[in-house]
Amino acid sequence: MPIRLLALDLDGTLLNSHGQVSERNARAVAAARERGVKVAVVTGRRFRDARPIALELGLDVPLISHNGALTRHTRTLETIAIFPLPVAAARKALAIGRAAGANPLLSDDRDGLGVLVFDRLNGDNPALMKYVAWARRIHGDDGAVQETASLESFLDHDPIHLTFSGGCGPLNELNEQLQRDLGAEAKVFSTMYPKLDFGLLDVLHPGASKGVGVAAAAGELKITAGEVMAIGDNFNDLEMLCYAGTGVVMGNAEAALRETEGLHTTAANDEDGVALAIEKFILSSDL
């Protein structure tokens, strides 16, 4: 069955370790599009942070961002689907994370490009401080990053999602606690980078996921799951990878993900793994 929709994660997948799309990856994506394959970015990043990459690649499929909580057209900003996190669940998760000493960030602004909100930064979390500095640098002084006196006071409405960051060990423990205490009130996605000892926990609406986002995009395009190829590198990609008829795991992913039954493996993100997978599964008749 030919592939008609290609779903691509960004960090650790399409992007190399320098946060760039390599020339070979860009050529492969362009070649797939020339063959009529629709290409969608599917990312845990906020919409505002992922939008420039989708625009650079000229993609015409709505951007699936916030781990599937928000699907929106990059040019027109037309919203296709949104799953805001219920405020009660957000407050409960925030209290659990605070007690565990994790650093919270809030993604808000459901109708615009998106706003990152925080109330204090922990000097023991340099990766988080670097991320906030990066977000301020690339977006400038346009209100994209906002500091508030208290996230607890700020949370009087349903945000898009809540994120905790920190070392892998403490976050794995927090993940278990959030899963246990939140139950069906929310969905928690774990994205871990063991080599950096840095991880992210995204708390979202219970109906949100990358898999749901890709399925919605496929449905709108009248494309079946068997005609979808998805490529990712982390556990927040798993639902998407298993939904797709062709699921491909990056070589830089953890062994547990690479060994998931039914999934294919490609090279690492610094070795043009995305291009190699596109060449193998989509462009092979041209090679």
Protein backbone atom coordinates (compact mmCIF):
# COMPACT_ATOMS: atom_id res chain seq x y z
CA MET A 1 0.00 0.00 0.00
CA PRO A 2 1.57 3.36 -1.04
CA ILE A 3 2.29 5.97 1.63
CA ARG A 4 0.19 9.11 1.24
CA LEU A 5 0.82 10.88 4.56
CA LEU A 6 4.17 11.29 6.31
CA ALA A 7 4.07 12.36 9.97
CA LEU A 8 7.36 13.71 11.31
CA ASP A 9 8.41 14.43 14.87
CA LEU A 10 10.89 17.31 15.16
CA ASP A 11 13.39 17.15 18.05
CA GLY A 12 15.57 14.06 17.85
CA THR A 13 13.96 13.10 14.54
CA LEU A 14 13.77 15.60 11.66
CA LEU A 15 16.11 17.98 13.50
CA ASN A 16 19.72 17.07 14.21
CA SER A 17 21.42 17.68 17.55
CA HIS A 18 21.98 21.32 16.52
CA GLY A 19 18.25 21.84 16.01
CA GLN A 20 18.59 22.02 12.23
CA VAL A 21 17.06 20.23 9.24
CA SER A 22 19.95 18.71 7.30
CA GLU A 23 20.19 19.22 3.54
CA ARG A 24 19.58 15.53 2.91
CA ASN A 25 16.50 15.47 5.13
CA ALA A 26 15.14 18.60 3.45
CA ARG A 27 15.69 17.10 -0.01
CA ALA A 28 13.99 13.85 0.98
CA VAL A 29 10.95 15.68 2.40
CA ALA A 30 10.72 17.78 -0.77
CA ALA A 31 11.01 14.67 -2.96
CA ALA A 32 8.22 12.94 -1.02
CA ARG A 33 5.98 15.98 -1.48
CA GLU A 34 6.76 16.01 -5.21
CA ARG A 35 5.41 12.47 -5.35
CA GLY A 36 2.14 13.71 -3.85
CA VAL A 37 2.80 12.61 -0.26
CA LYS A 38 1.34 14.96 2.33
CA VAL A 39 3.82 15.83 5.09
CA ALA A 40 2.81 16.87 8.60
CA VAL A 41 4.95 18.03 11.51
CA VAL A 42 3.80 16.30 14.70
CA THR A 43 5.60 17.62 17.75
CA GLY A 44 5.57 18.11 21.48
CA ARG A 45 6.76 21.66 20.83
CA ARG A 46 4.44 24.58 21.23
CA PHE A 47 2.75 25.77 18.03
CA ARG A 48 4.68 29.05 18.05
CA ASP A 49 8.03 27.24 18.34
CA ALA A 50 7.31 24.68 15.61
CA ARG A 51 5.59 26.99 13.13
CA PRO A 52 8.78 28.51 11.60
CA ILE A 53 10.07 25.04 10.67
CA ALA A 54 6.80 24.02 9.01
CA LEU A 55 6.76 27.31 7.09
CA GLU A 56 10.40 26.85 6.03
CA LEU A 57 9.59 23.41 4.61
CA GLY A 58 6.50 24.76 2.86
CA LEU A 59 4.20 22.16 4.41
CA ASP A 60 0.51 22.41 3.58
CA VAL A 61 -0.87 20.01 6.20
CA PRO A 62 -1.97 21.51 9.55
CA LEU A 63 0.74 21.50 12.22
CA ILE A 64 0.04 19.03 15.05
CA SER A 65 1.63 20.60 18.12
CA HIS A 66 1.61 20.34 21.92
CA ASN A 67 1.71 16.53 21.61
CA GLY A 68 -1.58 16.59 19.75
CA ALA A 69 -3.42 19.10 21.95
CA LEU A 70 -3.50 21.74 19.19
CA THR A 71 -3.76 21.25 15.41
CA ARG A 72 -3.68 24.47 13.43
CA HIS A 73 -2.81 25.72 9.94
CA THR A 74 0.58 27.42 9.95
CA ARG A 75 -0.28 30.22 7.52
CA THR A 76 -3.91 31.08 8.21
CA LEU A 77 -3.86 30.07 11.92
CA GLU A 78 -7.16 28.28 11.37
CA THR A 79 -7.67 25.83 14.23
CA ILE A 80 -8.58 22.29 13.17
CA ALA A 81 -8.74 20.72 16.63
CA ILE A 82 -7.90 21.71 20.19
CA PHE A 83 -7.94 19.73 23.43
CA PRO A 84 -7.36 22.22 26.26
CA LEU A 85 -6.36 20.82 29.64
CA PRO A 86 -9.25 21.13 32.16
CA VAL A 87 -8.30 23.71 34.75
CA ALA A 88 -9.09 21.39 37.67
CA ALA A 89 -6.66 18.79 36.33
CA ALA A 90 -4.07 21.49 35.63
CA ARG A 91 -4.28 22.77 39.21
CA LYS A 92 -4.05 19.25 40.62
CA ALA A 93 -1.04 18.41 38.47
CA LEU A 94 0.64 21.70 39.38
CA ALA A 95 0.29 20.92 43.10
CA ILE A 96 1.76 17.43 42.62
CA GLY A 97 4.68 18.80 40.61
CA ARG A 98 5.38 21.58 43.10
CA ALA A 99 5.52 19.06 45.94
CA ALA A 100 8.05 17.04 43.94
CA GLY A 101 10.23 20.08 43.29
CA ALA A 102 9.72 20.03 39.52
CA ASN A 103 9.81 23.20 37.42
CA PRO A 104 6.43 24.00 35.77
CA LEU A 105 5.81 25.82 32.51
CA LEU A 106 2.35 26.63 31.19
CA SER A 107 1.35 26.81 27.53
CA ASP A 108 -1.55 29.19 27.03
CA ASP A 109 -3.28 31.41 24.44
CA ARG A 110 -5.66 29.03 22.70
CA ASP A 111 -6.63 31.53 19.99
CA GLY A 112 -3.26 32.99 19.00
CA LEU A 113 0.28 31.84 18.32
CA GLY A 114 0.75 30.69 21.91
CA VAL A 115 2.26 32.03 25.12
CA LEU A 116 4.75 30.38 27.48
CA VAL A 117 4.06 31.30 31.11
CA PHE A 118 6.23 30.69 34.18
CA ASP A 119 6.49 32.12 37.68
CA ARG A 120 10.04 31.26 38.72
CA LEU A 121 13.08 29.46 37.36
CA ASN A 122 15.26 27.09 39.33
CA GLY A 123 18.98 27.64 38.88
CA ASP A 124 19.46 23.90 39.36
CA ASN A 125 17.71 23.33 36.03
CA PRO A 126 20.06 24.91 33.44
CA ALA A 127 18.33 23.21 30.51
CA LEU A 128 15.03 24.90 31.40
CA MET A 129 16.70 28.29 31.81
CA LYS A 130 18.40 27.80 28.44
CA TYR A 131 15.06 26.94 26.83
CA VAL A 132 13.31 30.02 28.22
CA ALA A 133 16.24 32.21 27.09
CA TRP A 134 16.04 30.60 23.62
CA ALA A 135 12.29 31.23 23.39
CA ARG A 136 12.77 34.87 24.36
CA ARG A 137 15.58 35.25 21.84
CA ILE A 138 13.80 33.80 18.79
CA HIS A 139 10.42 35.44 19.46
CA GLY A 140 11.67 38.81 20.65
CA ASP A 141 9.65 41.13 22.84
CA ASP A 142 6.22 40.15 21.50
CA GLY A 143 4.71 38.64 24.64
CA ALA A 144 5.54 35.07 23.62
CA VAL A 145 7.20 34.43 26.98
CA GLN A 146 5.55 35.83 30.10
CA GLU A 147 6.46 35.75 33.76
CA THR A 148 3.64 35.81 36.28
CA ALA A 149 3.68 36.16 40.05
CA SER A 150 1.99 32.79 40.58
CA LEU A 151 0.89 30.07 38.20
CA GLU A 152 -1.70 29.03 40.76
CA SER A 153 -3.30 32.48 40.52
CA PHE A 154 -2.90 32.58 36.74
CA LEU A 155 -4.74 29.27 36.33
CA ASP A 156 -8.36 30.44 36.25
CA HIS A 157 -9.12 28.90 32.85
CA ASP A 158 -8.27 25.82 30.74
CA PRO A 159 -4.69 26.16 29.39
CA ILE A 160 -3.34 24.19 26.43
CA HIS A 161 -0.99 22.09 28.53
CA LEU A 162 1.30 22.01 31.55
CA THR A 163 4.94 20.89 31.41
CA PHE A 164 7.43 19.83 34.06
CA SER A 165 11.15 19.50 33.40
CA GLY A 166 14.19 18.26 35.25
CA GLY A 167 16.54 15.31 35.62
CA CYS A 168 15.43 11.96 34.26
CA GLY A 169 15.40 10.14 37.61
CA PRO A 170 13.16 12.57 39.52
CA LEU A 171 10.90 13.04 36.50
CA ASN A 172 10.39 9.30 36.09
CA GLU A 173 9.21 9.20 39.70
CA LEU A 174 6.96 12.22 39.14
CA ASN A 175 5.58 10.59 36.00
CA GLU A 176 4.48 7.55 38.01
CA GLN A 177 2.86 9.76 40.63
CA LEU A 178 1.04 11.91 38.08
CA GLN A 179 -0.21 8.84 36.23
CA ARG A 180 -1.45 7.36 39.50
CA ASP A 181 -3.01 10.49 41.02
CA LEU A 182 -4.51 12.04 37.89
CA GLY A 183 -5.90 8.82 36.46
CA ALA A 184 -8.40 9.59 33.71
CA GLU A 185 -8.40 13.34 34.46
CA ALA A 186 -5.41 13.96 32.20
CA LYS A 187 -2.84 12.28 29.98
CA VAL A 188 0.86 12.46 30.83
CA PHE A 189 3.54 12.11 28.15
CA SER A 190 7.18 11.49 29.00
CA THR A 191 10.03 12.70 26.78
CA MET A 192 13.44 11.75 28.13
CA TYR A 193 16.97 12.54 26.95
CA PRO A 194 19.20 10.29 29.11
CA LYS A 195 22.45 11.54 27.57
CA LEU A 196 21.57 15.05 28.75
CA ASP A 197 19.93 13.86 31.98
CA PHE A 198 16.99 16.03 31.01
CA GLY A 199 13.34 15.17 30.62
CA LEU A 200 9.91 16.67 30.01
CA LEU A 201 6.53 15.63 31.33
CA ASP A 202 3.58 17.08 29.42
CA VAL A 203 0.18 17.03 31.11
CA LEU A 204 -2.62 17.23 28.55
CA HIS A 205 -6.31 16.72 28.02
CA PRO A 206 -7.06 12.99 28.30
CA GLY A 207 -8.17 12.87 24.67
CA ALA A 208 -5.01 14.42 23.24
CA SER A 209 -2.05 12.58 21.71
CA LYS A 210 0.09 12.64 18.61
CA GLY A 211 -1.72 9.53 17.44
CA VAL A 212 -5.11 11.25 17.72
CA GLY A 213 -3.75 14.25 15.84
CA VAL A 214 -2.36 12.17 12.99
CA ALA A 215 -5.58 10.15 12.76
CA ALA A 216 -7.58 13.38 12.50
CA ALA A 217 -5.29 14.72 9.77
CA ALA A 218 -5.53 11.43 7.88
CA GLY A 219 -9.30 11.43 8.18
CA GLU A 220 -9.58 14.96 6.81
CA LEU A 221 -7.44 13.90 3.84
CA LYS A 222 -9.37 10.63 3.43
CA ILE A 223 -6.20 8.65 4.03
CA THR A 224 -6.25 5.30 5.85
CA ALA A 225 -3.87 4.34 8.67
CA GLY A 226 -2.21 1.86 6.34
CA GLU A 227 -1.23 4.75 4.06
CA VAL A 228 0.46 6.67 6.88
CA MET A 229 4.17 6.62 7.74
CA ALA A 230 5.28 8.11 11.06
CA ILE A 231 8.81 8.72 12.31
CA GLY A 232 9.73 9.53 15.91
CA ASP A 233 12.35 9.08 18.61
CA ASN A 234 10.62 9.17 22.00
CA PHE A 235 7.81 7.63 24.00
CA ASN A 236 5.46 10.54 23.32
CA ASP A 237 5.61 9.33 19.69
CA LEU A 238 4.52 5.78 20.47
CA GLU A 239 0.78 6.17 19.85
CA MET A 240 1.51 7.84 16.53
CA LEU A 241 4.04 5.18 15.53
CA CYS A 242 1.65 2.35 16.36
CA TYR A 243 -1.27 4.03 14.56
CA ALA A 244 0.67 4.36 11.32
CA GLY A 245 0.84 1.50 8.87
CA THR A 246 4.58 2.17 8.74
CA GLY A 247 6.08 3.28 12.05
CA VAL A 248 9.79 4.14 12.07
CA VAL A 249 11.92 4.69 15.19
CA MET A 250 15.10 6.75 15.09
CA GLY A 251 18.42 5.09 15.88
CA ASN A 252 19.00 7.60 18.68
CA ALA A 253 15.84 6.46 20.51
CA GLU A 254 16.02 4.45 23.71
CA ALA A 255 16.39 0.69 23.23
CA ALA A 256 12.95 -0.01 24.71
CA LEU A 257 11.31 2.05 21.97
CA ARG A 258 13.51 0.67 19.18
CA GLU A 259 12.58 -2.85 20.24
CA THR A 260 8.82 -2.24 20.08
CA GLU A 261 7.25 -5.01 18.03
CA GLY A 262 6.03 -4.03 14.59
CA LEU A 263 8.14 -0.88 14.25
CA HIS A 264 11.05 -0.30 11.87
CA THR A 265 14.36 1.34 12.82
CA THR A 266 16.37 3.92 10.89
CA ALA A 267 19.63 5.74 11.56
CA ALA A 268 20.07 8.45 14.19
CA ASN A 269 18.99 12.06 13.71
CA ASP A 270 22.62 13.14 13.18
CA GLU A 271 22.92 10.49 10.45
CA ASP A 272 19.98 11.63 8.29
CA GLY A 273 17.73 8.87 9.63
CA VAL A 274 14.59 10.61 8.34
CA ALA A 275 15.98 10.84 4.81
CA LEU A 276 17.04 7.19 4.86
CA ALA A 277 13.54 6.12 5.92
CA ILE A 278 11.87 8.27 3.26
CA GLU A 279 14.21 6.90 0.62
CA LYS A 280 13.51 3.32 1.70
CA PHE A 281 9.74 3.40 2.14
CA ILE A 282 8.59 6.21 -0.18
CA LEU A 283 11.24 6.90 -2.83
CA SER A 284 12.62 3.41 -3.35
CA SER A 285 11.15 3.10 -6.84
CA ASP A 286 13.16 6.17 -7.83
CA LEU A 287 16.49 4.91 -6.49
